[in-house]
Amino acid sequence: MECAAMGFLAVIVIGTFIIWILALIDCVTHEFPHENDKIVWVLILVFLGFIGAILYYIVKPTRRTRGRRGRSTLRSRRLRRNSLRAREGENPPSSGGEVHRPES
């Protein structure tokens, strides 16, 4: 019976270690809105271990993907698409979501 309990305990310990390592890797590769946030989260993960990993996954800020000039990528794509349409003579859609069609 003791051998089965030790095996179960080993699985739990290895699982928590893997979750901690994944949180640490995610933290290091994550783009935070402020420069010091990454350092703070790495320190939390190192000193609090598995509890820090759980906190990180619950509280971490969402990932921001930025295009040129600080705009979000989706907005950059939309602006680029509209400028290409304007060059080709089409009317780009307005920001309200309605589509402008050329009058025949």
C-alpha atoms as a PDB file:
ATOM      1  CA  MET A   1       0.000   0.000   0.000  1.00  0.00           C
ATOM      2  CA  GLU A   2       2.835   2.387   0.768  1.00  0.00           C
ATOM      3  CA  CYS A   3       4.315   1.881  -2.686  1.00  0.00           C
ATOM      4  CA  ALA A   4       1.055   2.939  -4.376  1.00  0.00           C
ATOM      5  CA  ALA A   5       0.827   6.026  -2.183  1.00  0.00           C
ATOM      6  CA  MET A   6       4.422   6.962  -3.005  1.00  0.00           C
ATOM      7  CA  GLY A   7       3.702   6.548  -6.723  1.00  0.00           C
ATOM      8  CA  PHE A   8       0.616   8.779  -6.466  1.00  0.00           C
ATOM      9  CA  LEU A   9       2.586  11.370  -4.516  1.00  0.00           C
ATOM     10  CA  ALA A  10       5.344  11.292  -7.162  1.00  0.00           C
ATOM     11  CA  VAL A  11       2.786  11.943  -9.914  1.00  0.00           C
ATOM     12  CA  ILE A  12       1.358  14.899  -7.966  1.00  0.00           C
ATOM     13  CA  VAL A  13       4.809  16.394  -7.313  1.00  0.00           C
ATOM     14  CA  ILE A  14       5.910  15.991 -10.940  1.00  0.00           C
ATOM     15  CA  GLY A  15       2.607  17.483 -12.158  1.00  0.00           C
ATOM     16  CA  THR A  16       2.930  20.550  -9.956  1.00  0.00           C
ATOM     17  CA  PHE A  17       6.555  20.987 -11.038  1.00  0.00           C
ATOM     18  CA  ILE A  18       5.523  20.858 -14.723  1.00  0.00           C
ATOM     19  CA  ILE A  19       2.777  23.440 -14.139  1.00  0.00           C
ATOM     20  CA  TRP A  20       5.303  25.690 -12.363  1.00  0.00           C
ATOM     21  CA  ILE A  21       7.846  25.367 -15.201  1.00  0.00           C
ATOM     22  CA  LEU A  22       5.162  26.119 -17.831  1.00  0.00           C
ATOM     23  CA  ALA A  23       4.077  29.214 -15.893  1.00  0.00           C
ATOM     24  CA  LEU A  24       7.684  30.378 -15.653  1.00  0.00           C
ATOM     25  CA  ILE A  25       8.230  29.887 -19.404  1.00  0.00           C
ATOM     26  CA  ASP A  26       4.960  31.679 -20.200  1.00  0.00           C
ATOM     27  CA  CYS A  27       5.929  34.559 -17.928  1.00  0.00           C
ATOM     28  CA  VAL A  28       9.352  34.978 -19.536  1.00  0.00           C
ATOM     29  CA  THR A  29       7.921  34.933 -23.099  1.00  0.00           C
ATOM     30  CA  HIS A  30       4.850  37.061 -22.270  1.00  0.00           C
ATOM     31  CA  GLU A  31       4.677  40.714 -23.365  1.00  0.00           C
ATOM     32  CA  PHE A  32       3.531  42.751 -20.376  1.00  0.00           C
ATOM     33  CA  PRO A  33       2.139  46.300 -20.595  1.00  0.00           C
ATOM     34  CA  HIS A  34       4.784  47.596 -18.159  1.00  0.00           C
ATOM     35  CA  GLU A  35       8.462  46.645 -18.097  1.00  0.00           C
ATOM     36  CA  ASN A  36       8.603  45.849 -14.380  1.00  0.00           C
ATOM     37  CA  ASP A  37       5.635  43.465 -14.482  1.00  0.00           C
ATOM     38  CA  LYS A  38       7.742  40.655 -15.901  1.00  0.00           C
ATOM     39  CA  ILE A  39      10.329  40.959 -13.128  1.00  0.00           C
ATOM     40  CA  VAL A  40       7.631  41.014 -10.448  1.00  0.00           C
ATOM     41  CA  TRP A  41       5.904  37.917 -11.870  1.00  0.00           C
ATOM     42  CA  VAL A  42       9.174  35.992 -12.178  1.00  0.00           C
ATOM     43  CA  LEU A  43       9.958  36.779  -8.528  1.00  0.00           C
ATOM     44  CA  ILE A  44       6.463  35.704  -7.476  1.00  0.00           C
ATOM     45  CA  LEU A  45       6.840  32.440  -9.404  1.00  0.00           C
ATOM     46  CA  VAL A  46      10.282  31.723  -7.978  1.00  0.00           C
ATOM     47  CA  PHE A  47       9.449  32.473  -4.339  1.00  0.00           C
ATOM     48  CA  LEU A  48       5.880  31.124  -4.199  1.00  0.00           C
ATOM     49  CA  GLY A  49       6.362  28.107  -6.463  1.00  0.00           C
ATOM     50  CA  PHE A  50       3.154  26.280  -7.377  1.00  0.00           C
ATOM     51  CA  ILE A  51       0.973  28.829  -5.536  1.00  0.00           C
ATOM     52  CA  GLY A  52       2.636  31.570  -7.607  1.00  0.00           C
ATOM     53  CA  ALA A  53       1.898  29.611 -10.791  1.00  0.00           C
ATOM     54  CA  ILE A  54      -1.776  29.385  -9.875  1.00  0.00           C
ATOM     55  CA  LEU A  55      -1.847  33.124  -9.109  1.00  0.00           C
ATOM     56  CA  TYR A  56      -0.099  33.872 -12.398  1.00  0.00           C
ATOM     57  CA  TYR A  57      -2.644  31.923 -14.459  1.00  0.00           C
ATOM     58  CA  ILE A  58      -5.556  33.555 -12.615  1.00  0.00           C
ATOM     59  CA  VAL A  59      -4.318  37.169 -12.490  1.00  0.00           C
ATOM     60  CA  LYS A  60      -1.941  37.629 -15.446  1.00  0.00           C
ATOM     61  CA  PRO A  61      -2.783  40.419 -17.904  1.00  0.00           C
ATOM     62  CA  THR A  62      -3.985  39.464 -21.352  1.00  0.00           C
ATOM     63  CA  ARG A  63      -1.440  39.243 -24.113  1.00  0.00           C
ATOM     64  CA  ARG A  64      -1.223  42.355 -26.283  1.00  0.00           C
ATOM     65  CA  THR A  65      -0.232  41.932 -29.878  1.00  0.00           C
ATOM     66  CA  ARG A  66       0.958  45.205 -31.289  1.00  0.00           C
ATOM     67  CA  GLY A  67       1.516  46.228 -34.856  1.00  0.00           C
ATOM     68  CA  ARG A  68       3.440  49.213 -36.131  1.00  0.00           C
ATOM     69  CA  ARG A  69       3.035  52.539 -34.356  1.00  0.00           C
ATOM     70  CA  GLY A  70       1.459  50.894 -31.297  1.00  0.00           C
ATOM     71  CA  ARG A  71      -1.875  50.011 -32.907  1.00  0.00           C
ATOM     72  CA  SER A  72      -3.411  46.638 -32.327  1.00  0.00           C
ATOM     73  CA  THR A  73      -2.804  44.190 -35.165  1.00  0.00           C
ATOM     74  CA  LEU A  74      -6.485  43.806 -36.015  1.00  0.00           C
ATOM     75  CA  ARG A  75      -6.912  47.552 -36.377  1.00  0.00           C
ATOM     76  CA  SER A  76      -3.735  47.795 -38.471  1.00  0.00           C
ATOM     77  CA  ARG A  77      -5.020  45.093 -40.821  1.00  0.00           C
ATOM     78  CA  ARG A  78      -8.374  46.826 -41.130  1.00  0.00           C
ATOM     79  CA  LEU A  79      -6.749  50.194 -41.895  1.00  0.00           C
ATOM     80  CA  ARG A  80      -4.374  48.616 -44.408  1.00  0.00           C
ATOM     81  CA  ARG A  81      -7.260  46.793 -46.129  1.00  0.00           C
ATOM     82  CA  ASN A  82      -9.299  50.015 -46.293  1.00  0.00           C
ATOM     83  CA  SER A  83      -6.378  51.976 -47.737  1.00  0.00           C
ATOM     84  CA  LEU A  84      -5.887  49.320 -50.414  1.00  0.00           C
ATOM     85  CA  ARG A  85      -9.573  49.489 -51.267  1.00  0.00           C
ATOM     86  CA  ALA A  86      -9.369  53.281 -51.483  1.00  0.00           C
ATOM     87  CA  ARG A  87      -6.440  53.007 -53.905  1.00  0.00           C
ATOM     88  CA  GLU A  88      -8.420  50.585 -56.069  1.00  0.00           C
ATOM     89  CA  GLY A  89     -11.388  52.953 -56.150  1.00  0.00           C
ATOM     90  CA  GLU A  90     -13.659  51.087 -53.740  1.00  0.00           C
ATOM     91  CA  ASN A  91     -15.310  52.810 -50.811  1.00  0.00           C
ATOM     92  CA  PRO A  92     -13.937  51.428 -47.517  1.00  0.00           C
ATOM     93  CA  PRO A  93     -16.524  50.448 -44.891  1.00  0.00           C
ATOM     94  CA  SER A  94     -17.101  52.917 -42.085  1.00  0.00           C
ATOM     95  CA  SER A  95     -16.260  52.145 -38.479  1.00  0.00           C
ATOM     96  CA  GLY A  96     -19.961  51.555 -37.750  1.00  0.00           C
ATOM     97  CA  GLY A  97     -19.905  48.215 -39.507  1.00  0.00           C
ATOM     98  CA  GLU A  98     -22.072  49.242 -42.440  1.00  0.00           C
ATOM     99  CA  VAL A  99     -20.842  48.524 -45.937  1.00  0.00           C
ATOM    100  CA  HIS A 100     -20.750  51.288 -48.545  1.00  0.00           C
ATOM    101  CA  ARG A 101     -21.518  50.061 -52.011  1.00  0.00           C
ATOM    102  CA  PRO A 102     -20.880  52.178 -55.123  1.00  0.00           C
ATOM    103  CA  GLU A 103     -24.074  53.494 -56.658  1.00  0.00           C
ATOM    104  CA  SER A 104     -24.887  52.129 -60.095  1.00  0.00           C
END
